[in-house]
PDB file of N, CA and C in Angstrom:
ATOM      1  N   MET A   1     138.900 132.363  22.641  1.00  0.00           N
ATOM      2  CA  MET A   1     139.227 131.569  21.887  1.00  0.00           C
ATOM      3  C   MET A   1     138.111 130.766  21.410  1.00  0.00           C
ATOM      4  N   ALA A   2     137.568 130.269  22.601  1.00  0.00           N
ATOM      5  CA  ALA A   2     136.255 129.138  22.398  1.00  0.00           C
ATOM      6  C   ALA A   2     135.154 129.911  21.624  1.00  0.00           C
ATOM      7  N   ASN A   3     135.077 130.767  22.605  1.00  0.00           N
ATOM      8  CA  ASN A   3     133.505 131.347  22.078  1.00  0.00           C
ATOM      9  C   ASN A   3     133.678 132.235  20.593  1.00  0.00           C
ATOM     10  N   ARG A   4     134.705 132.058  20.064  1.00  0.00           N
ATOM     11  CA  ARG A   4     134.992 133.036  18.840  1.00  0.00           C
ATOM     12  C   ARG A   4     134.599 131.760  17.960  1.00  0.00           C
ATOM     13  N   THR A   5     135.271 130.458  17.995  1.00  0.00           N
ATOM     14  CA  THR A   5     134.910 129.262  17.632  1.00  0.00           C
ATOM     15  C   THR A   5     133.432 129.034  17.719  1.00  0.00           C
ATOM     16  N   GLU A   6     132.528 128.908  18.696  1.00  0.00           N
ATOM     17  CA  GLU A   6     131.282 128.783  18.423  1.00  0.00           C
ATOM     18  C   GLU A   6     130.667 129.215  18.000  1.00  0.00           C
ATOM     19  N   ARG A   7     131.126 131.216  18.216  1.00  0.00           N
ATOM     20  CA  ARG A   7     129.959 131.667  17.267  1.00  0.00           C
ATOM     21  C   ARG A   7     130.156 131.674  15.585  1.00  0.00           C
ATOM     22  N   LYS A   8     131.478 131.031  15.589  1.00  0.00           N
ATOM     23  CA  LYS A   8     131.788 130.889  13.693  1.00  0.00           C
ATOM     24  C   LYS A   8     131.130 129.804  13.317  1.00  0.00           C
ATOM     25  N   LEU A   9     130.952 128.770  14.260  1.00  0.00           N
ATOM     26  CA  LEU A   9     130.253 127.771  13.799  1.00  0.00           C
ATOM     27  C   LEU A   9     129.199 128.000  13.673  1.00  0.00           C
ATOM     28  N   THR A  10     128.228 128.178  14.705  1.00  0.00           N
ATOM     29  CA  THR A  10     126.784 128.566  14.686  1.00  0.00           C
ATOM     30  C   THR A  10     126.274 129.016  13.810  1.00  0.00           C
ATOM     31  N   GLY A  11     127.089 130.393  13.115  1.00  0.00           N
ATOM     32  CA  GLY A  11     126.976 131.730  12.165  1.00  0.00           C
ATOM     33  C   GLY A  11     126.823 130.552  10.865  1.00  0.00           C
ATOM     34  N   SER A  12     127.971 129.886  10.728  1.00  0.00           N
ATOM     35  CA  SER A  12     128.016 129.132   9.415  1.00  0.00           C
ATOM     36  C   SER A  12     127.184 128.080   9.283  1.00  0.00           C
ATOM     37  N   GLY A  13     126.717 127.439  10.123  1.00  0.00           N
ATOM     38  CA  GLY A  13     125.736 125.920  10.104  1.00  0.00           C
ATOM     39  C   GLY A  13     124.592 127.151   9.994  1.00  0.00           C
ATOM     40  N   GLY A  14     123.375 127.914  10.515  1.00  0.00           N
ATOM     41  CA  GLY A  14     122.489 128.898  10.433  1.00  0.00           C
ATOM     42  C   GLY A  14     122.262 129.386   8.808  1.00  0.00           C
ATOM     43  N   ARG A  15     123.858 129.825   8.199  1.00  0.00           N
ATOM     44  CA  ARG A  15     123.836 129.834   6.864  1.00  0.00           C
ATOM     45  C   ARG A  15     123.771 128.611   5.918  1.00  0.00           C
ATOM     46  N   PHE A  16     123.846 127.897   6.489  1.00  0.00           N
ATOM     47  CA  PHE A  16     124.159 126.633   5.641  1.00  0.00           C
ATOM     48  C   PHE A  16     122.360 126.137   5.196  1.00  0.00           C
ATOM     49  N   ILE A  17     121.618 126.508   6.813  1.00  0.00           N
ATOM     50  CA  ILE A  17     120.365 125.580   7.224  1.00  0.00           C
ATOM     51  C   ILE A  17     119.707 126.887   6.294  1.00  0.00           C
ATOM     52  N   MET A  18     120.065 128.412   6.299  1.00  0.00           N
ATOM     53  CA  MET A  18     118.974 129.445   5.650  1.00  0.00           C
ATOM     54  C   MET A  18     118.704 128.489   3.886  1.00  0.00           C
ATOM     55  N   ILE A  19     119.915 128.207   3.765  1.00  0.00           N
ATOM     56  CA  ILE A  19     120.125 128.470   1.997  1.00  0.00           C
ATOM     57  C   ILE A  19     119.506 126.849   1.639  1.00  0.00           C
ATOM     58  N   GLY A  20     119.579 125.783   2.573  1.00  0.00           N
ATOM     59  CA  GLY A  20     119.317 124.514   1.927  1.00  0.00           C
ATOM     60  C   GLY A  20     117.644 124.082   2.737  1.00  0.00           C
ATOM     61  N   ALA A  21     117.314 124.644   3.796  1.00  0.00           N
ATOM     62  CA  ALA A  21     115.768 124.426   3.739  1.00  0.00           C
ATOM     63  C   ALA A  21     114.760 124.690   2.686  1.00  0.00           C
ATOM     64  N   PRO A  22     114.719 126.014   2.167  1.00  0.00           N
ATOM     65  CA  PRO A  22     114.221 126.823   1.365  1.00  0.00           C
ATOM     66  C   PRO A  22     113.995 125.418   0.062  1.00  0.00           C
ATOM     67  N   LEU A  23     115.132 125.027  -0.185  1.00  0.00           N
ATOM     68  CA  LEU A  23     114.959 123.907  -1.623  1.00  0.00           C
ATOM     69  C   LEU A  23     114.538 122.688  -1.281  1.00  0.00           C
ATOM     70  N   VAL A  24     114.545 122.478   0.102  1.00  0.00           N
ATOM     71  CA  VAL A  24     113.909 121.230   0.799  1.00  0.00           C
ATOM     72  C   VAL A  24     112.251 121.074   0.158  1.00  0.00           C
ATOM     73  N   VAL A  25     112.250 122.154   0.648  1.00  0.00           N
ATOM     74  CA  VAL A  25     110.561 122.356   0.719  1.00  0.00           C
ATOM     75  C   VAL A  25     109.500 122.989  -0.674  1.00  0.00           C
ATOM     76  N   ILE A  26     110.745 123.712  -1.554  1.00  0.00           N
ATOM     77  CA  ILE A  26     110.291 123.471  -2.585  1.00  0.00           C
ATOM     78  C   ILE A  26     110.516 121.927  -3.748  1.00  0.00           C
ATOM     79  N   GLY A  27     111.545 121.196  -3.369  1.00  0.00           N
ATOM     80  CA  GLY A  27     111.705 120.028  -3.675  1.00  0.00           C
ATOM     81  C   GLY A  27     110.273 119.310  -3.617  1.00  0.00           C
ATOM     82  N   ILE A  28     109.941 119.468  -1.739  1.00  0.00           N
ATOM     83  CA  ILE A  28     109.066 118.463  -1.632  1.00  0.00           C
ATOM     84  C   ILE A  28     107.519 118.594  -2.249  1.00  0.00           C
ATOM     85  N   VAL A  29     107.284 119.982  -2.383  1.00  0.00           N
ATOM     86  CA  VAL A  29     106.184 120.582  -2.844  1.00  0.00           C
ATOM     87  C   VAL A  29     105.315 120.392  -4.621  1.00  0.00           C
ATOM     88  N   LEU A  30     107.246 120.340  -5.192  1.00  0.00           N
ATOM     89  CA  LEU A  30     106.792 120.126  -6.608  1.00  0.00           C
ATOM     90  C   LEU A  30     106.838 118.715  -6.768  1.00  0.00           C
ATOM     91  N   ALA A  31     107.370 117.317  -5.905  1.00  0.00           N
ATOM     92  CA  ALA A  31     107.132 115.887  -5.930  1.00  0.00           C
ATOM     93  C   ALA A  31     105.760 115.601  -5.579  1.00  0.00           C
ATOM     94  N   LEU A  32     104.833 116.422  -4.720  1.00  0.00           N
ATOM     95  CA  LEU A  32     103.675 115.943  -4.116  1.00  0.00           C
ATOM     96  C   LEU A  32     102.520 116.641  -4.886  1.00  0.00           C
ATOM     97  N   LEU A  33     103.245 117.729  -5.482  1.00  0.00           N
ATOM     98  CA  LEU A  33     101.667 118.653  -6.150  1.00  0.00           C
ATOM     99  C   LEU A  33     101.862 118.300  -7.500  1.00  0.00           C
ATOM    100  N   LEU A  34     102.885 118.175  -8.308  1.00  0.00           N
ATOM    101  CA  LEU A  34     102.739 117.787  -9.735  1.00  0.00           C
ATOM    102  C   LEU A  34     103.255 116.321 -10.162  1.00  0.00           C
ATOM    103  N   ASP A  35     102.528 116.329 -12.098  1.00  0.00           N
ATOM    104  CA  ASP A  35     103.034 114.739 -12.274  1.00  0.00           C
ATOM    105  C   ASP A  35     104.526 114.508 -13.420  1.00  0.00           C
ATOM    106  N   HIS A  36     104.732 113.141 -13.352  1.00  0.00           N
ATOM    107  CA  HIS A  36     105.567 112.847 -14.116  1.00  0.00           C
ATOM    108  C   HIS A  36     107.028 113.150 -14.281  1.00  0.00           C
ATOM    109  N   ASN A  37     107.713 113.805 -14.626  1.00  0.00           N
ATOM    110  CA  ASN A  37     108.868 114.350 -14.887  1.00  0.00           C
ATOM    111  C   ASN A  37     109.102 115.433 -13.724  1.00  0.00           C
ATOM    112  N   TRP A  38     108.046 116.119 -13.207  1.00  0.00           N
ATOM    113  CA  TRP A  38     108.085 117.447 -12.132  1.00  0.00           C
ATOM    114  C   TRP A  38     108.232 116.279 -10.532  1.00  0.00           C
ATOM    115  N   VAL A  39     108.189 114.934 -10.993  1.00  0.00           N
ATOM    116  CA  VAL A  39     108.677 114.420  -9.492  1.00  0.00           C
ATOM    117  C   VAL A  39     109.748 114.267  -9.353  1.00  0.00           C
ATOM    118  N   GLY A  40     110.653 113.615 -10.307  1.00  0.00           N
ATOM    119  CA  GLY A  40     112.180 113.353 -10.341  1.00  0.00           C
ATOM    120  C   GLY A  40     112.659 114.747  -9.921  1.00  0.00           C
ATOM    121  N   ILE A  41     112.418 115.812 -10.676  1.00  0.00           N
ATOM    122  CA  ILE A  41     113.070 117.177 -10.390  1.00  0.00           C
ATOM    123  C   ILE A  41     112.907 117.612  -8.793  1.00  0.00           C
ATOM    124  N   GLY A  42     111.279 117.400  -8.316  1.00  0.00           N
ATOM    125  CA  GLY A  42     111.110 117.478  -7.060  1.00  0.00           C
ATOM    126  C   GLY A  42     112.436 116.832  -5.911  1.00  0.00           C
ATOM    127  N   VAL A  43     112.582 115.557  -6.645  1.00  0.00           N
ATOM    128  CA  VAL A  43     113.247 114.851  -5.391  1.00  0.00           C
ATOM    129  C   VAL A  43     114.494 114.819  -5.682  1.00  0.00           C
ATOM    130  N   THR A  44     114.922 115.501  -7.018  1.00  0.00           N
ATOM    131  CA  THR A  44     116.631 115.861  -7.388  1.00  0.00           C
ATOM    132  C   THR A  44     116.264 117.160  -6.391  1.00  0.00           C
ATOM    133  N   LEU A  45     115.480 118.259  -6.508  1.00  0.00           N
ATOM    134  CA  LEU A  45     116.142 119.226  -5.545  1.00  0.00           C
ATOM    135  C   LEU A  45     115.882 119.189  -4.304  1.00  0.00           C
ATOM    136  N   ALA A  46     115.053 118.153  -3.944  1.00  0.00           N
ATOM    137  CA  ALA A  46     114.909 118.183  -2.119  1.00  0.00           C
ATOM    138  C   ALA A  46     116.214 117.462  -1.776  1.00  0.00           C
ATOM    139  N   VAL A  47     116.735 116.561  -2.543  1.00  0.00           N
ATOM    140  CA  VAL A  47     118.021 116.104  -1.889  1.00  0.00           C
ATOM    141  C   VAL A  47     119.510 116.888  -2.311  1.00  0.00           C
ATOM    142  N   LEU A  48     119.191 117.316  -3.176  1.00  0.00           N
ATOM    143  CA  LEU A  48     120.231 118.587  -3.357  1.00  0.00           C
ATOM    144  C   LEU A  48     120.059 119.654  -2.372  1.00  0.00           C
ATOM    145  N   GLY A  49     119.008 120.077  -1.765  1.00  0.00           N
ATOM    146  CA  GLY A  49     118.859 121.282  -0.823  1.00  0.00           C
ATOM    147  C   GLY A  49     119.224 120.217   0.856  1.00  0.00           C
ATOM    148  N   ALA A  50     119.007 118.669   0.786  1.00  0.00           N
ATOM    149  CA  ALA A  50     119.078 118.440   2.108  1.00  0.00           C
ATOM    150  C   ALA A  50     120.838 117.907   2.269  1.00  0.00           C
ATOM    151  N   ILE A  51     121.326 118.426   1.607  1.00  0.00           N
ATOM    152  CA  ILE A  51     123.187 118.579   1.752  1.00  0.00           C
ATOM    153  C   ILE A  51     123.733 119.985   2.368  1.00  0.00           C
ATOM    154  N   PRO A  52     123.481 120.719   2.024  1.00  0.00           N
ATOM    155  CA  PRO A  52     123.882 121.530   3.114  1.00  0.00           C
ATOM    156  C   PRO A  52     122.686 121.600   4.536  1.00  0.00           C
ATOM    157  N   THR A  53     121.437 121.491   4.328  1.00  0.00           N
ATOM    158  CA  THR A  53     121.029 121.796   5.429  1.00  0.00           C
ATOM    159  C   THR A  53     121.304 120.529   6.473  1.00  0.00           C
ATOM    160  N   VAL A  54     121.984 119.105   6.438  1.00  0.00           N
ATOM    161  CA  VAL A  54     122.452 118.358   6.839  1.00  0.00           C
ATOM    162  C   VAL A  54     123.950 119.137   7.665  1.00  0.00           C
ATOM    163  N   VAL A  55     123.950 119.397   6.464  1.00  0.00           N
ATOM    164  CA  VAL A  55     125.702 120.460   7.175  1.00  0.00           C
ATOM    165  C   VAL A  55     125.756 121.338   8.012  1.00  0.00           C
ATOM    166  N   GLY A  56     124.678 122.458   8.007  1.00  0.00           N
ATOM    167  CA  GLY A  56     123.900 122.974   8.888  1.00  0.00           C
ATOM    168  C   GLY A  56     123.934 123.040   9.973  1.00  0.00           C
ATOM    169  N   ILE A  57     123.005 121.906  10.131  1.00  0.00           N
ATOM    170  CA  ILE A  57     122.578 121.078  11.597  1.00  0.00           C
ATOM    171  C   ILE A  57     123.884 120.254  12.308  1.00  0.00           C
ATOM    172  N   ALA A  58     124.972 120.039  11.434  1.00  0.00           N
ATOM    173  CA  ALA A  58     125.875 119.111  11.958  1.00  0.00           C
ATOM    174  C   ALA A  58     127.520 119.952  12.634  1.00  0.00           C
ATOM    175  N   LEU A  59     126.866 121.435  11.852  1.00  0.00           N
ATOM    176  CA  LEU A  59     128.272 122.545  12.356  1.00  0.00           C
ATOM    177  C   LEU A  59     127.269 122.862  13.313  1.00  0.00           C
ATOM    178  N   THR A  60     126.024 123.230  13.634  1.00  0.00           N
ATOM    179  CA  THR A  60     125.257 123.885  14.405  1.00  0.00           C
ATOM    180  C   THR A  60     125.129 122.407  16.070  1.00  0.00           C
ATOM    181  N   LEU A  61     125.141 121.537  15.820  1.00  0.00           N
ATOM    182  CA  LEU A  61     125.329 120.974  17.241  1.00  0.00           C
ATOM    183  C   LEU A  61     126.697 120.364  17.259  1.00  0.00           C
ATOM    184  N   PHE A  62     127.789 120.923  16.588  1.00  0.00           N
ATOM    185  CA  PHE A  62     129.171 120.629  17.142  1.00  0.00           C
ATOM    186  C   PHE A  62     129.387 121.691  17.786  1.00  0.00           C
ATOM    187  N   ALA A  63     129.082 123.044  18.018  1.00  0.00           N
ATOM    188  CA  ALA A  63     129.275 124.328  18.709  1.00  0.00           C
ATOM    189  C   ALA A  63     128.119 124.384  19.614  1.00  0.00           C
ATOM    190  N   GLY A  64     127.756 123.127  19.926  1.00  0.00           N
ATOM    191  CA  GLY A  64     126.856 122.724  20.613  1.00  0.00           C
ATOM    192  C   GLY A  64     127.664 121.860  21.545  1.00  0.00           C
ATOM    193  N   VAL A  65     128.151 121.212  21.474  1.00  0.00           N
ATOM    194  CA  VAL A  65     129.191 119.990  22.288  1.00  0.00           C
ATOM    195  C   VAL A  65     129.948 120.625  22.574  1.00  0.00           C
ATOM    196  N   ASN A  66     130.953 121.727  21.822  1.00  0.00           N
ATOM    197  CA  ASN A  66     132.205 122.526  21.942  1.00  0.00           C
ATOM    198  C   ASN A  66     131.707 123.216  23.184  1.00  0.00           C
ATOM    199  N   ARG A  67     130.393 124.046  23.239  1.00  0.00           N
ATOM    200  CA  ARG A  67     130.188 125.058  24.363  1.00  0.00           C
ATOM    201  C   ARG A  67     129.663 123.976  26.072  1.00  0.00           C
ATOM    202  N   HIS A  68     129.363 122.617  25.018  1.00  0.00           N
ATOM    203  CA  HIS A  68     129.370 121.798  26.888  1.00  0.00           C
ATOM    204  C   HIS A  68     130.249 121.624  27.124  1.00  0.00           C
ATOM    205  N   ALA A  69     131.314 121.028  26.074  1.00  0.00           N
ATOM    206  CA  ALA A  69     132.638 120.529  26.850  1.00  0.00           C
ATOM    207  C   ALA A  69     133.423 121.554  27.063  1.00  0.00           C
ATOM    208  N   ARG A  70     133.312 122.514  27.232  1.00  0.00           N
ATOM    209  CA  ARG A  70     134.259 124.136  28.048  1.00  0.00           C
ATOM    210  C   ARG A  70     133.459 124.355  29.074  1.00  0.00           C
ATOM    211  N   LYS A  71     132.361 123.900  29.599  1.00  0.00           N
ATOM    212  CA  LYS A  71     131.983 123.733  31.217  1.00  0.00           C
ATOM    213  C   LYS A  71     132.494 122.711  32.165  1.00  0.00           C
ATOM    214  N   ASP A  72     133.126 122.077  31.274  1.00  0.00           N
ATOM    215  CA  ASP A  72     134.172 121.156  32.071  1.00  0.00           C
ATOM    216  C   ASP A  72     132.596 120.040  33.260  1.00  0.00           C
ATOM    217  N   ARG A  73     131.761 120.063  32.494  1.00  0.00           N
ATOM    218  CA  ARG A  73     130.455 119.264  33.448  1.00  0.00           C
ATOM    219  C   ARG A  73     130.767 117.725  32.570  1.00  0.00           C
ATOM    220  N   PRO A  74     130.472 116.728  33.427  1.00  0.00           N
ATOM    221  CA  PRO A  74     130.754 115.259  32.458  1.00  0.00           C
ATOM    222  C   PRO A  74     129.705 115.368  31.649  1.00  0.00           C
ATOM    223  N   PHE A  75     129.560 114.617  30.256  1.00  0.00           N
ATOM    224  CA  PHE A  75     128.419 114.347  29.208  1.00  0.00           C
ATOM    225  C   PHE A  75     127.168 113.496  29.862  1.00  0.00           C
ATOM    226  N   ALA A  76     128.130 111.963  30.389  1.00  0.00           N
ATOM    227  CA  ALA A  76     126.902 111.273  30.622  1.00  0.00           C
ATOM    228  C   ALA A  76     126.692 111.376  32.439  1.00  0.00           C
TER     229      ALA A  76
END
């Protein structure tokens, strides 16, 4: 059962990262290359892309912690 949970968390985390990372990159490019109103639009797009990226990273890390805890080894 633990393997299935880890696979689901890792798959969902990867999907969230793939959704958010391009938005972050596009937003940063818009903010750096263009002027005036496009800077605000680029920053907004980067922030909106950062939210699913952070969620995806958290899910992937949680799956890694779950895998490590299942091995019955101490963390420290």
